[in-house]
Structure formats: structure tokens, C-alpha cells
């Protein structure tokens, strides 16, 4: 019973880690796309000004 319980807890922890990891991946992707958008707009503005 104890091993089953600990296994279940480990599984839950893995699930939780997986969820937080996917959230982190999403945040990374979001910040990267925002950075790319800002960079492109800055590039566009600079080309427009010249």
C-alpha cells in the first residue's frame, strides 16, 4: 500500500512538473514572439525613417 501511495505521489509530482514546464515553454514562446515583433517593428521604423 505504501509503495503504491508513494508511486501515486511521484506520478502526481511528475504531472505537476509537466504542467508547469508546459506553462514555462508557453511563456518562453510568448516572450520570444514579442521580442521578435518588437525587433521587426523597430527595424521597420528605422527603415521608414531613413
C-alpha atoms as a PDB file:
ATOM      1  CA  UNK A   1       0.000   0.000   0.000  1.00  0.00           C
ATOM      2  CA  UNK A   2       2.808   2.375   0.915  1.00  0.00           C
ATOM      3  CA  UNK A   3       4.704   1.807  -2.330  1.00  0.00           C
ATOM      4  CA  UNK A   4       1.523   2.354  -4.327  1.00  0.00           C
ATOM      5  CA  UNK A   5       0.884   5.602  -2.454  1.00  0.00           C
ATOM      6  CA  UNK A   6       4.431   6.852  -2.997  1.00  0.00           C
ATOM      7  CA  UNK A   7       4.247   5.871  -6.651  1.00  0.00           C
ATOM      8  CA  UNK A   8       0.994   7.805  -6.970  1.00  0.00           C
ATOM      9  CA  UNK A   9       2.574  10.833  -5.279  1.00  0.00           C
ATOM     10  CA  UNK A  10       5.551  10.633  -7.616  1.00  0.00           C
ATOM     11  CA  UNK A  11       3.203  10.434 -10.587  1.00  0.00           C
ATOM     12  CA  UNK A  12       1.303  13.483  -9.336  1.00  0.00           C
ATOM     13  CA  UNK A  13       4.557  15.381  -8.862  1.00  0.00           C
ATOM     14  CA  UNK A  14       5.625  14.463 -12.399  1.00  0.00           C
ATOM     15  CA  UNK A  15       2.272  15.617 -13.717  1.00  0.00           C
ATOM     16  CA  UNK A  16       2.584  18.883 -11.851  1.00  0.00           C
ATOM     17  CA  UNK A  17       6.135  19.382 -13.138  1.00  0.00           C
ATOM     18  CA  UNK A  18       4.998  18.612 -16.667  1.00  0.00           C
ATOM     19  CA  UNK A  19       2.199  21.176 -16.397  1.00  0.00           C
ATOM     20  CA  UNK A  20       4.497  23.881 -15.042  1.00  0.00           C
ATOM     21  CA  UNK A  21       7.052  23.004 -17.731  1.00  0.00           C
ATOM     22  CA  UNK A  22       4.459  23.457 -20.477  1.00  0.00           C
ATOM     23  CA  UNK A  23       3.480  26.802 -18.919  1.00  0.00           C
ATOM     24  CA  UNK A  24       7.158  27.792 -18.890  1.00  0.00           C
ATOM     25  CA  UNK A  25       7.517  26.718 -22.514  1.00  0.00           C
ATOM     26  CA  UNK A  26       4.443  28.773 -23.403  1.00  0.00           C
ATOM     27  CA  UNK A  27       5.844  31.825 -21.583  1.00  0.00           C
ATOM     28  CA  UNK A  28       9.189  31.386 -23.332  1.00  0.00           C
ATOM     29  CA  UNK A  29       7.445  31.165 -26.698  1.00  0.00           C
ATOM     30  CA  UNK A  30       5.328  34.220 -25.872  1.00  0.00           C
ATOM     31  CA  UNK A  31       8.297  36.354 -24.823  1.00  0.00           C
ATOM     32  CA  UNK A  32      10.270  35.207 -27.865  1.00  0.00           C
ATOM     33  CA  UNK A  33       7.467  36.149 -30.260  1.00  0.00           C
ATOM     34  CA  UNK A  34       7.032  39.509 -28.506  1.00  0.00           C
ATOM     35  CA  UNK A  35      10.778  40.155 -28.798  1.00  0.00           C
ATOM     36  CA  UNK A  36      10.696  39.251 -32.499  1.00  0.00           C
ATOM     37  CA  UNK A  37       7.691  41.520 -33.078  1.00  0.00           C
ATOM     38  CA  UNK A  38       9.381  44.427 -31.272  1.00  0.00           C
ATOM     39  CA  UNK A  39      12.605  43.838 -33.198  1.00  0.00           C
ATOM     40  CA  UNK A  40      10.760  43.758 -36.526  1.00  0.00           C
ATOM     41  CA  UNK A  41       8.790  46.907 -35.725  1.00  0.00           C
ATOM     42  CA  UNK A  42      11.994  48.713 -34.702  1.00  0.00           C
ATOM     43  CA  UNK A  43      13.657  47.578 -37.916  1.00  0.00           C
ATOM     44  CA  UNK A  44      10.647  48.730 -39.912  1.00  0.00           C
ATOM     45  CA  UNK A  45      10.612  52.126 -38.178  1.00  0.00           C
ATOM     46  CA  UNK A  46      14.314  52.609 -38.795  1.00  0.00           C
ATOM     47  CA  UNK A  47      13.929  51.733 -42.470  1.00  0.00           C
ATOM     48  CA  UNK A  48      10.939  54.044 -42.670  1.00  0.00           C
ATOM     49  CA  UNK A  49      12.856  56.937 -41.107  1.00  0.00           C
ATOM     50  CA  UNK A  50      15.870  56.552 -43.381  1.00  0.00           C
END
